[in-house]
Amino acid sequence: MFSRLRLPAGQDIHAVARLELFVVFAVSTILGTRAYLALADYPQLGGDGLHIAHMLWGGLLMMVALGLVVSFLGPRIKDIAASVGGAGFGLFIDEIGKFVTSDNDYFFRPAFALMYLVFVGLVFVMHRLAERPVHDPATQLANAASIGVGGILRGLNQTGRDEARALLDAARTGGADPRAVEAIGELIAAGRGRRGTGPYRAVRERIVRLLRGVVRHRFIFALVCAVLAYQVAHSLYDVVNTLVSDGAGSITVARAIQLGSALLIAAVIVAGFVAWRRHEPGTGLRVLRYAVLLNILVGQVFNFHEQQLDALPGVVIYLVALATLNYRISLLEHPDDDQRTLAEITRPAGAEEVPPVVVAESADQADGPQAH
């Protein structure tokens, strides 16, 4: 249903990159804030019965981000606004415990689970946007013009120029007005050239290249299988131990849901391994991917409730597992991707590749998403 939603405005093909930037700054702000407060023994700004909560600073930063977007032109302003807004949202949601409890409890244990659910929702939106290629000629022209505006304001590197030209070619093929195509083409050509990419994009590309190199190794795939097998054993042990030590009558509803979800995930993992052993590797890997997604979307919520920030490494492990399984599935569906991925891994850091005209990959049209 979400994929059929049609908004009155064209979709920005760089929305995914900016949402990613927003999430990165929000999560980093939460972690940084919690670390600072713990090290400083939770100081308070104010006195005489007053306390200026950092949620207010978060609201101020989100207001600044909105002001930047409505006041200035160019793609770089959107990048800055995504960074500032993400930091503000991190400060805001970090105090969620105060607003869902009657005693304003900042240390409310489910707070991290609630924050995790919010970010899972944001990542889901990013994923849905990334799956939607831009086929509308008018939207393609608008995005090409936006890239051209960035070139006029701050210059345009080769990646952005190539992306804009690809958008124009797609719009022309789709039946766009030739006069509009020509005018926007002249706008793009008028932008002065620039070299390199922004620091955020450069770091991101290196991280992606490193992760692709990691998930290709069979050893990592074997580790993923071992982690999933351990999860099955741990889930069974947890259920049996709870029933023996606490008794079925003393199990709370929340605990019952947690145990039930753990058993469901374990059953899906076993089904995936069984399908794999029956020489159905594609089906087996897809079922295992469903199990990992269930763990990320459901199981980790309970982990954050129980373990707080100590649950963070578990999320990282299962994200790596998801990336590894996605890579293995893509090799079964598109065997030629192995050579393409190898070329991407061995490509020099300064080399650039023209991205496809889809929302999933966002090129750095002027500076790329900037870390500020």
Protein backbone atom coordinates (compact mmCIF):
# COMPACT_ATOMS: atom_id res chain seq x y z
CA MET A 1 0.00 0.00 0.00
CA PHE A 2 2.87 2.34 0.84
CA SER A 3 4.40 1.77 -2.59
CA ARG A 4 1.15 2.95 -4.25
CA LEU A 5 1.08 6.21 -2.36
CA ARG A 6 1.30 9.17 -4.71
CA LEU A 7 2.27 12.52 -3.27
CA PRO A 8 1.55 15.81 -5.03
CA ALA A 9 5.29 16.59 -5.18
CA GLY A 10 8.03 14.76 -7.05
CA GLN A 11 10.33 12.50 -5.06
CA ASP A 12 13.89 13.65 -4.44
CA ILE A 13 16.21 10.90 -5.65
CA HIS A 14 18.62 11.81 -2.85
CA ALA A 15 16.03 11.45 -0.11
CA VAL A 16 17.42 8.09 1.01
CA ALA A 17 20.94 9.50 1.46
CA ARG A 18 19.61 12.41 3.51
CA LEU A 19 17.38 10.20 5.64
CA GLU A 20 20.44 8.04 6.23
CA LEU A 21 22.38 11.12 7.29
CA PHE A 22 19.50 12.09 9.60
CA VAL A 23 19.52 8.64 11.26
CA VAL A 24 23.32 8.59 11.62
CA PHE A 25 23.37 11.96 13.38
CA ALA A 26 20.34 11.10 15.54
CA VAL A 27 21.79 7.80 16.77
CA SER A 28 25.24 9.34 17.28
CA THR A 29 23.71 12.18 19.29
CA ILE A 30 21.82 9.76 21.55
CA LEU A 31 24.93 7.70 22.20
CA GLY A 32 27.07 10.80 22.74
CA THR A 33 24.53 12.38 25.07
CA ARG A 34 24.15 9.25 27.19
CA ALA A 35 27.94 8.85 27.40
CA TYR A 36 28.49 12.50 28.37
CA LEU A 37 25.78 12.46 31.04
CA ALA A 38 27.14 9.26 32.56
CA LEU A 39 30.69 10.61 32.66
CA ALA A 40 29.57 13.97 34.08
CA ASP A 41 27.32 12.35 36.70
CA TYR A 42 24.14 13.70 35.09
CA PRO A 43 24.52 17.45 35.57
CA GLN A 44 21.49 19.75 35.34
CA LEU A 45 21.31 23.08 33.55
CA GLY A 46 19.29 25.48 35.70
CA GLY A 47 18.64 26.12 39.36
CA ASP A 48 16.07 27.21 41.93
CA GLY A 49 13.70 24.48 40.86
CA LEU A 50 14.34 24.97 37.14
CA HIS A 51 15.78 22.34 34.81
CA ILE A 52 16.39 23.01 31.12
CA ALA A 53 16.03 19.57 29.56
CA HIS A 54 18.17 18.79 26.52
CA MET A 55 14.95 17.94 24.70
CA LEU A 56 14.50 21.72 24.33
CA TRP A 57 17.88 22.04 22.62
CA GLY A 58 16.77 19.25 20.31
CA GLY A 59 13.65 21.21 19.40
CA LEU A 60 15.79 24.28 18.74
CA LEU A 61 18.05 22.33 16.37
CA MET A 62 15.05 20.87 14.52
CA MET A 63 13.68 24.42 14.14
CA VAL A 64 17.05 25.54 12.76
CA ALA A 65 17.00 22.64 10.27
CA LEU A 66 13.52 23.60 9.08
CA GLY A 67 14.59 27.22 8.80
CA LEU A 68 17.55 26.26 6.63
CA VAL A 69 15.38 24.26 4.23
CA VAL A 70 12.77 26.99 3.77
CA SER A 71 15.28 29.86 3.58
CA PHE A 72 18.14 28.75 1.33
CA LEU A 73 18.67 27.08 -2.04
CA GLY A 74 20.82 24.16 -3.06
CA PRO A 75 21.31 20.51 -2.21
CA ARG A 76 24.06 21.19 0.32
CA ILE A 77 21.59 23.07 2.53
CA LYS A 78 19.43 19.94 2.59
CA ASP A 79 22.45 17.92 3.67
CA ILE A 80 23.21 20.38 6.48
CA ALA A 81 19.55 20.43 7.51
CA ALA A 82 19.46 16.62 7.63
CA SER A 83 22.53 16.63 9.89
CA VAL A 84 21.28 19.39 12.22
CA GLY A 85 17.76 17.96 12.28
CA GLY A 86 19.08 14.48 13.04
CA ALA A 87 21.10 15.79 15.98
CA GLY A 88 18.06 17.68 17.24
CA PHE A 89 15.83 14.65 16.91
CA GLY A 90 18.40 12.59 18.81
CA LEU A 91 18.36 15.07 21.71
CA PHE A 92 14.58 15.13 21.61
CA ILE A 93 13.87 11.40 21.55
CA ASP A 94 16.61 10.66 24.09
CA GLU A 95 14.21 12.01 26.75
CA ILE A 96 11.28 9.86 25.66
CA GLY A 97 11.24 8.17 29.09
CA LYS A 98 10.19 11.46 30.69
CA PHE A 99 7.14 11.76 28.50
CA VAL A 100 5.71 8.27 28.74
CA THR A 101 5.94 7.95 32.54
CA SER A 102 3.97 9.76 35.23
CA ASP A 103 7.11 10.51 37.27
CA ASN A 104 9.21 11.83 34.34
CA ASP A 105 11.66 8.92 34.57
CA TYR A 106 14.63 9.53 32.23
CA PHE A 107 15.93 6.04 33.08
CA PHE A 108 12.69 4.27 32.12
CA ARG A 109 13.95 0.84 31.01
CA PRO A 110 11.78 0.46 27.89
CA ALA A 111 13.02 3.84 26.61
CA PHE A 112 15.76 2.30 24.47
CA ALA A 113 13.29 -0.23 23.07
CA LEU A 114 10.94 2.60 22.09
CA MET A 115 13.77 4.56 20.47
CA TYR A 116 14.84 1.45 18.62
CA LEU A 117 11.32 0.99 17.25
CA VAL A 118 11.30 4.57 16.00
CA PHE A 119 14.57 4.11 14.12
CA VAL A 120 13.44 0.77 12.72
CA GLY A 121 10.44 2.64 11.31
CA LEU A 122 12.72 5.27 9.75
CA VAL A 123 14.92 2.60 8.19
CA PHE A 124 11.79 0.89 6.84
CA VAL A 125 10.77 4.15 5.16
CA MET A 126 14.28 4.46 3.70
CA HIS A 127 14.07 0.90 2.39
CA ARG A 128 10.71 1.53 0.73
CA LEU A 129 11.95 4.73 -0.88
CA ALA A 130 15.08 2.97 -2.10
CA GLU A 131 12.93 0.38 -3.91
CA ARG A 132 11.09 3.02 -5.91
CA PRO A 133 12.88 4.00 -9.12
CA VAL A 134 11.98 7.39 -10.56
CA HIS A 135 10.21 6.76 -13.88
CA ASP A 136 8.16 9.96 -14.16
CA PRO A 137 9.79 12.29 -16.75
CA ALA A 138 8.69 15.41 -14.86
CA THR A 139 10.30 14.16 -11.64
CA GLN A 140 13.45 13.21 -13.51
CA LEU A 141 13.66 16.70 -15.00
CA ALA A 142 13.06 18.30 -11.59
CA ASN A 143 15.84 16.26 -10.02
CA ALA A 144 18.22 17.09 -12.86
CA ALA A 145 17.38 20.78 -12.41
CA SER A 146 18.04 20.50 -8.67
CA ILE A 147 21.47 19.05 -9.41
CA GLY A 148 22.05 21.89 -11.87
CA VAL A 149 21.15 24.47 -9.21
CA GLY A 150 23.74 22.90 -6.93
CA GLY A 151 26.29 23.20 -9.74
CA ILE A 152 25.55 26.89 -10.18
CA LEU A 153 25.85 27.56 -6.45
CA ARG A 154 28.85 25.45 -5.51
CA GLY A 155 30.07 23.65 -8.59
CA LEU A 156 29.44 20.13 -9.84
CA ASN A 157 31.71 17.12 -9.70
CA GLN A 158 31.78 14.46 -12.41
CA THR A 159 29.53 12.06 -10.53
CA GLY A 160 26.80 14.66 -10.18
CA ARG A 161 27.17 15.77 -13.79
CA ASP A 162 26.90 12.19 -15.06
CA GLU A 163 23.86 11.55 -12.88
CA ALA A 164 22.13 14.69 -14.14
CA ARG A 165 22.78 13.71 -17.75
CA ALA A 166 21.43 10.23 -17.10
CA LEU A 167 18.27 11.78 -15.67
CA LEU A 168 17.91 14.00 -18.74
CA ASP A 169 18.35 11.02 -21.07
CA ALA A 170 15.73 9.06 -19.14
CA ALA A 171 13.32 12.01 -19.22
CA ARG A 172 13.86 12.48 -22.95
CA THR A 173 13.18 8.79 -23.56
CA GLY A 174 10.06 9.04 -21.39
CA GLY A 175 8.60 11.81 -23.57
CA ALA A 176 9.58 14.96 -21.68
CA ASP A 177 9.33 18.34 -23.39
CA PRO A 178 12.51 18.67 -25.51
CA ARG A 179 12.71 22.38 -24.70
CA ALA A 180 12.79 21.64 -20.96
CA VAL A 181 15.41 18.94 -21.47
CA GLU A 182 17.58 21.33 -23.48
CA ALA A 183 17.20 24.18 -20.98
CA ILE A 184 18.11 22.01 -18.00
CA GLY A 185 21.02 20.54 -19.98
CA GLU A 186 22.37 24.05 -20.49
CA LEU A 187 21.92 24.76 -16.78
CA ILE A 188 23.97 21.68 -15.90
CA ALA A 189 26.66 22.56 -18.44
CA ALA A 190 26.91 26.07 -16.99
CA GLY A 191 27.86 24.80 -13.54
CA ARG A 192 31.55 25.12 -12.77
CA GLY A 193 33.47 21.92 -12.15
CA ARG A 194 34.63 20.58 -8.81
CA ARG A 195 36.75 17.65 -7.76
CA GLY A 196 36.26 15.06 -5.12
CA THR A 197 33.29 14.30 -2.93
CA GLY A 198 32.12 15.38 0.51
CA PRO A 199 33.69 13.82 3.61
CA TYR A 200 30.52 11.94 4.56
CA ARG A 201 30.20 10.32 1.16
CA ALA A 202 33.91 9.50 1.04
CA VAL A 203 33.76 7.77 4.44
CA ARG A 204 30.52 6.04 3.49
CA GLU A 205 31.99 4.67 0.26
CA ARG A 206 35.00 3.27 2.10
CA ILE A 207 32.77 1.62 4.71
CA VAL A 208 30.52 0.12 2.04
CA ARG A 209 33.54 -1.16 0.11
CA LEU A 210 34.93 -2.71 3.29
CA LEU A 211 31.60 -4.36 4.18
CA ARG A 212 31.22 -5.77 0.69
CA GLY A 213 34.66 -7.28 0.98
CA VAL A 214 33.73 -8.79 4.35
CA VAL A 215 30.41 -10.38 3.37
CA ARG A 216 31.97 -12.07 0.32
CA HIS A 217 34.10 -14.39 2.45
CA ARG A 218 32.85 -17.90 3.12
CA PHE A 219 34.22 -17.68 6.64
CA ILE A 220 31.80 -14.83 7.43
CA PHE A 221 28.94 -16.86 5.97
CA ALA A 222 29.94 -19.79 8.16
CA LEU A 223 29.97 -17.48 11.19
CA VAL A 224 26.48 -16.26 10.30
CA CYS A 225 25.24 -19.86 10.17
CA ALA A 226 26.89 -20.53 13.53
CA VAL A 227 25.23 -17.46 15.07
CA LEU A 228 21.81 -18.57 13.81
CA ALA A 229 22.36 -22.12 15.11
CA TYR A 230 23.37 -20.67 18.50
CA GLN A 231 20.21 -18.57 18.53
CA VAL A 232 18.09 -21.69 18.08
CA ALA A 233 19.83 -23.43 20.97
CA HIS A 234 19.69 -20.34 23.19
CA SER A 235 15.99 -19.81 22.51
CA LEU A 236 15.15 -23.40 23.44
CA TYR A 237 17.27 -23.16 26.59
CA ASP A 238 15.66 -19.85 27.56
CA VAL A 239 12.15 -21.26 27.21
CA VAL A 240 12.91 -24.46 29.14
CA ASN A 241 14.80 -22.59 31.87
CA THR A 242 11.97 -20.09 32.32
CA LEU A 243 9.35 -22.81 32.56
CA VAL A 244 11.41 -24.82 35.05
CA SER A 245 12.57 -21.96 37.28
CA ASP A 246 9.56 -19.64 37.20
CA GLY A 247 6.70 -21.90 36.25
CA ALA A 248 4.14 -21.29 33.54
CA GLY A 249 1.77 -19.50 35.90
CA SER A 250 4.22 -16.74 36.82
CA ILE A 251 5.15 -15.73 33.27
CA THR A 252 4.00 -12.20 32.43
CA VAL A 253 2.33 -11.30 29.13
CA ALA A 254 5.43 -9.41 27.94
CA ARG A 255 7.68 -12.34 28.81
CA ALA A 256 5.32 -14.75 27.06
CA ILE A 257 5.43 -12.60 23.91
CA GLN A 258 9.22 -12.51 24.11
CA LEU A 259 9.50 -16.29 24.47
CA GLY A 260 6.95 -16.85 21.74
CA SER A 261 8.78 -14.60 19.31
CA ALA A 262 12.07 -16.33 20.16
CA LEU A 263 10.52 -19.73 19.43
CA LEU A 264 9.03 -18.42 16.18
CA ILE A 265 12.40 -17.09 15.03
CA ALA A 266 14.07 -20.37 16.01
CA ALA A 267 11.47 -22.34 14.01
CA VAL A 268 12.06 -20.14 10.95
CA ILE A 269 15.83 -20.67 11.26
CA VAL A 270 15.37 -24.45 11.45
CA ALA A 271 13.07 -24.34 8.40
CA GLY A 272 15.74 -22.40 6.51
CA PHE A 273 18.47 -24.90 7.38
CA VAL A 274 16.19 -27.81 6.40
CA ALA A 275 15.43 -26.26 3.01
CA TRP A 276 19.12 -25.62 2.48
CA ARG A 277 19.99 -29.23 3.30
CA ARG A 278 17.36 -30.40 0.81
CA HIS A 279 19.39 -28.76 -1.96
CA GLU A 280 17.15 -25.71 -2.16
CA PRO A 281 19.75 -23.06 -1.34
CA GLY A 282 17.72 -20.14 -2.66
CA THR A 283 14.67 -21.00 -0.56
CA GLY A 284 16.82 -21.78 2.48
CA LEU A 285 18.71 -18.49 2.32
CA ARG A 286 15.52 -16.47 1.90
CA VAL A 287 13.94 -18.18 4.90
CA LEU A 288 17.08 -17.50 6.95
CA ARG A 289 16.88 -13.86 5.88
CA TYR A 290 13.28 -13.71 7.15
CA ALA A 291 14.52 -15.08 10.48
CA VAL A 292 17.21 -12.39 10.71
CA LEU A 293 14.67 -9.68 9.85
CA LEU A 294 12.32 -10.99 12.53
CA ASN A 295 15.16 -10.85 15.03
CA ILE A 296 16.04 -7.28 14.07
CA LEU A 297 12.43 -6.06 14.06
CA VAL A 298 11.10 -7.98 17.06
CA GLY A 299 13.77 -9.82 19.04
CA GLN A 300 16.09 -6.85 19.42
CA VAL A 301 13.29 -4.75 20.88
CA PHE A 302 13.17 -7.06 23.90
CA ASN A 303 16.97 -7.10 24.06
CA PHE A 304 17.09 -3.30 24.30
CA HIS A 305 14.47 -3.41 27.03
CA GLU A 306 16.48 -5.88 29.07
CA GLN A 307 20.07 -4.93 28.26
CA GLN A 308 19.76 -1.23 27.37
CA LEU A 309 22.77 -0.07 25.32
CA ASP A 310 24.49 -3.42 25.86
CA ALA A 311 22.14 -4.77 23.18
CA LEU A 312 23.78 -2.59 20.49
CA PRO A 313 26.48 -5.15 19.47
CA GLY A 314 23.73 -7.70 18.85
CA VAL A 315 22.06 -5.37 16.35
CA VAL A 316 25.38 -4.89 14.55
CA ILE A 317 25.93 -8.67 14.35
CA TYR A 318 22.50 -9.29 12.85
CA LEU A 319 22.88 -6.41 10.40
CA VAL A 320 26.10 -8.03 9.17
CA ALA A 321 24.24 -11.34 8.98
CA LEU A 322 21.49 -9.70 6.91
CA ALA A 323 24.03 -8.15 4.54
CA THR A 324 25.79 -11.51 4.15
CA LEU A 325 22.56 -13.36 3.36
CA ASN A 326 21.47 -10.64 0.93
CA TYR A 327 24.79 -10.99 -0.88
CA ARG A 328 24.49 -14.77 -1.11
CA ILE A 329 20.93 -14.50 -2.42
CA SER A 330 21.99 -11.93 -5.02
CA LEU A 331 24.71 -14.31 -6.24
CA LEU A 332 22.10 -17.02 -6.81
CA GLU A 333 19.82 -14.61 -8.66
CA HIS A 334 22.55 -12.78 -10.57
CA PRO A 335 25.79 -14.82 -10.74
CA ASP A 336 27.55 -12.04 -12.68
CA ASP A 337 27.32 -9.78 -9.62
CA ASP A 338 30.32 -11.55 -8.09
CA GLN A 339 32.65 -10.12 -10.70
CA ARG A 340 31.00 -6.71 -10.48
CA THR A 341 31.34 -6.67 -6.69
CA LEU A 342 34.99 -7.70 -6.97
CA ALA A 343 35.58 -4.78 -9.33
CA GLU A 344 33.92 -2.41 -6.88
CA ILE A 345 36.04 -3.68 -4.00
CA THR A 346 39.29 -3.31 -5.92
CA ARG A 347 38.40 0.08 -7.44
CA PRO A 348 40.74 2.84 -6.23
CA ALA A 349 39.22 5.12 -3.61
CA GLY A 350 39.24 8.14 -5.93
CA ALA A 351 37.58 6.39 -8.84
CA GLU A 352 33.94 7.15 -9.54
CA GLU A 353 31.10 5.14 -11.00
CA VAL A 354 27.97 6.49 -12.69
CA PRO A 355 25.01 5.35 -10.58
CA PRO A 356 21.72 4.13 -12.07
CA VAL A 357 18.75 6.46 -12.16
CA VAL A 358 17.03 5.03 -9.14
CA VAL A 359 16.25 6.27 -5.67
CA ALA A 360 18.30 3.49 -4.08
CA GLU A 361 21.68 4.97 -4.96
CA SER A 362 22.18 8.66 -4.30
CA ALA A 363 25.02 10.43 -6.05
CA ASP A 364 26.82 13.36 -4.56
CA GLN A 365 25.70 16.06 -6.91
CA ALA A 366 27.48 19.04 -5.43
CA ASP A 367 29.33 18.01 -2.32
CA GLY A 368 27.36 14.94 -1.31
CA PRO A 369 25.91 14.60 2.18
CA GLN A 370 28.23 16.49 4.42
CA ALA A 371 29.13 15.70 8.01
CA HIS A 372 28.90 18.94 9.99
